[in-house]
Protein backbone atom coordinates (compact mmCIF):
# COMPACT_ATOMS: atom_id res chain seq x y z
CA UNK A 1 -266.71 -162.99 -167.03
CA UNK A 2 -269.39 -161.57 -169.75
CA UNK A 3 -266.88 -158.68 -169.99
CA UNK A 4 -264.06 -161.04 -170.65
CA UNK A 5 -266.09 -162.72 -173.50
CA UNK A 6 -267.15 -159.29 -174.78
CA UNK A 7 -263.86 -158.28 -174.68
CA UNK A 8 -262.08 -161.00 -176.31
CA UNK A 9 -265.21 -161.76 -179.03
CA UNK A 10 -264.26 -157.96 -180.37
CA UNK A 11 -260.37 -158.40 -180.37
CA UNK A 12 -260.67 -161.59 -182.68
CA UNK A 13 -263.47 -159.97 -184.94
CA UNK A 14 -260.71 -157.00 -184.86
CA UNK A 15 -258.22 -159.14 -185.77
CA UNK A 16 -260.18 -161.57 -188.44
CA UNK A 17 -261.45 -157.85 -189.82
CA UNK A 18 -257.49 -157.11 -190.25
CA UNK A 19 -256.43 -160.00 -191.80
CA UNK A 20 -259.41 -159.99 -194.71
CA UNK A 21 -258.26 -156.00 -194.83
CA UNK A 22 -254.57 -157.58 -195.88
CA UNK A 23 -255.28 -160.32 -197.71
CA UNK A 24 -257.57 -157.77 -199.97
CA UNK A 25 -255.17 -155.03 -200.24
CA UNK A 26 -252.71 -158.39 -201.51
CA UNK A 27 -254.73 -159.70 -203.74
CA UNK A 28 -254.60 -156.23 -205.40
CA UNK A 29 -251.20 -155.13 -204.53
CA UNK A 30 -249.49 -158.44 -205.44
CA UNK A 31 -248.26 -159.43 -209.35
CA UNK A 32 -248.14 -162.88 -209.81
CA UNK A 33 -250.44 -165.38 -209.80
CA UNK A 34 -249.45 -167.55 -206.85
CA UNK A 35 -249.00 -164.72 -204.56
CA UNK A 36 -252.59 -163.92 -205.01
CA UNK A 37 -253.66 -167.42 -204.23
CA UNK A 38 -251.66 -167.51 -201.02
CA UNK A 39 -253.43 -163.86 -200.22
CA UNK A 40 -256.86 -165.20 -201.09
CA UNK A 41 -255.79 -168.46 -199.05
CA UNK A 42 -254.65 -166.52 -195.71
CA UNK A 43 -258.42 -164.54 -196.21
CA UNK A 44 -260.31 -167.64 -196.33
CA UNK A 45 -258.15 -169.71 -193.21
CA UNK A 46 -257.46 -166.90 -190.79
CA UNK A 47 -259.86 -163.82 -191.79
CA UNK A 48 -262.62 -166.34 -191.98
CA UNK A 49 -261.75 -168.30 -188.92
CA UNK A 50 -261.22 -165.63 -186.31
CA UNK A 51 -264.42 -163.37 -187.33
CA UNK A 52 -266.85 -166.84 -186.95
CA UNK A 53 -264.79 -167.29 -183.82
CA UNK A 54 -265.31 -163.99 -182.41
CA UNK A 55 -269.10 -164.66 -183.71
CA UNK A 56 -269.54 -167.69 -181.79
CA UNK A 57 -268.06 -165.82 -178.63
CA UNK A 58 -270.94 -163.29 -179.46
CA UNK A 59 -274.21 -165.91 -180.32
CA UNK A 60 -273.23 -168.14 -176.69
CA UNK A 61 -274.35 -171.68 -177.07
CA UNK A 62 -277.27 -171.27 -179.31
CA UNK A 63 -278.00 -172.89 -182.59
CA UNK A 64 -276.79 -170.02 -183.90
CA UNK A 65 -273.32 -170.97 -182.88
CA UNK A 66 -273.85 -174.24 -184.21
CA UNK A 67 -274.71 -172.99 -187.75
CA UNK A 68 -271.57 -170.80 -187.13
CA UNK A 69 -269.52 -174.01 -186.64
CA UNK A 70 -270.32 -175.80 -189.41
CA UNK A 71 -269.40 -173.05 -191.57
CA UNK A 72 -266.27 -173.29 -190.27
CA UNK A 73 -266.03 -176.65 -190.76
CA UNK A 74 -267.37 -175.78 -194.44
CA UNK A 75 -264.25 -173.36 -194.65
CA UNK A 76 -261.95 -175.22 -192.81
CA UNK A 77 -261.79 -178.39 -195.10
CA UNK A 78 -262.62 -176.77 -198.68
CA UNK A 79 -260.69 -174.02 -199.28
CA UNK A 80 -257.27 -175.48 -198.61
CA UNK A 81 -258.56 -178.31 -201.30
CA UNK A 82 -259.85 -175.50 -203.51
CA UNK A 83 -256.23 -173.08 -203.79
CA UNK A 84 -254.31 -176.43 -203.77
CA UNK A 85 -256.45 -178.04 -207.14
CA UNK A 86 -256.09 -174.45 -208.38
CA UNK A 87 -252.45 -174.13 -207.42
CA UNK A 88 -252.31 -177.95 -209.62
CA UNK A 89 -253.98 -177.12 -212.45
CA UNK A 90 -252.00 -174.06 -212.97
CA UNK A 91 -248.88 -175.94 -212.54
CA UNK A 92 -250.22 -178.50 -214.98
CA UNK A 93 -251.52 -175.88 -217.60
CA UNK A 94 -247.09 -174.70 -217.51
CA UNK A 95 -247.54 -171.42 -215.41
CA UNK A 96 -243.72 -171.44 -213.31
CA UNK A 97 -244.03 -170.21 -210.11
CA UNK A 98 -240.59 -168.46 -210.39
CA UNK A 99 -241.86 -164.62 -210.35
CA UNK A 100 -239.32 -163.66 -213.45
CA UNK A 101 -240.67 -166.16 -215.90
CA UNK A 102 -244.27 -165.58 -215.34
CA UNK A 103 -244.25 -161.52 -216.14
CA UNK A 104 -242.38 -162.95 -219.25
CA UNK A 105 -244.51 -164.29 -222.38
CA UNK A 106 -244.96 -167.23 -223.31
CA UNK A 107 -242.73 -169.12 -226.63
CA UNK A 108 -245.05 -171.06 -227.74
């Protein structure tokens, strides 16, 4: 049973790391504000969530696992809220979600 938990934890850690690397590349390669915001939210939700799940399996039922759960809950609630607030503020300021309009210079 321990070998199964060990293999599953490493699988989660590797998958979370892959999501973080792919999201980081997305942050560098994507052109507009909104696609970059999406890439950052993928890193937070999928990457960090899988990494935390893998570390929880590594820690077992200890105080470290409880701390990882608290960190996961904090990320789970604050990351989407911050991403939504950032995108809403950009929309209110007049940044268009249309990629063609985003690269064009502003008329005002």
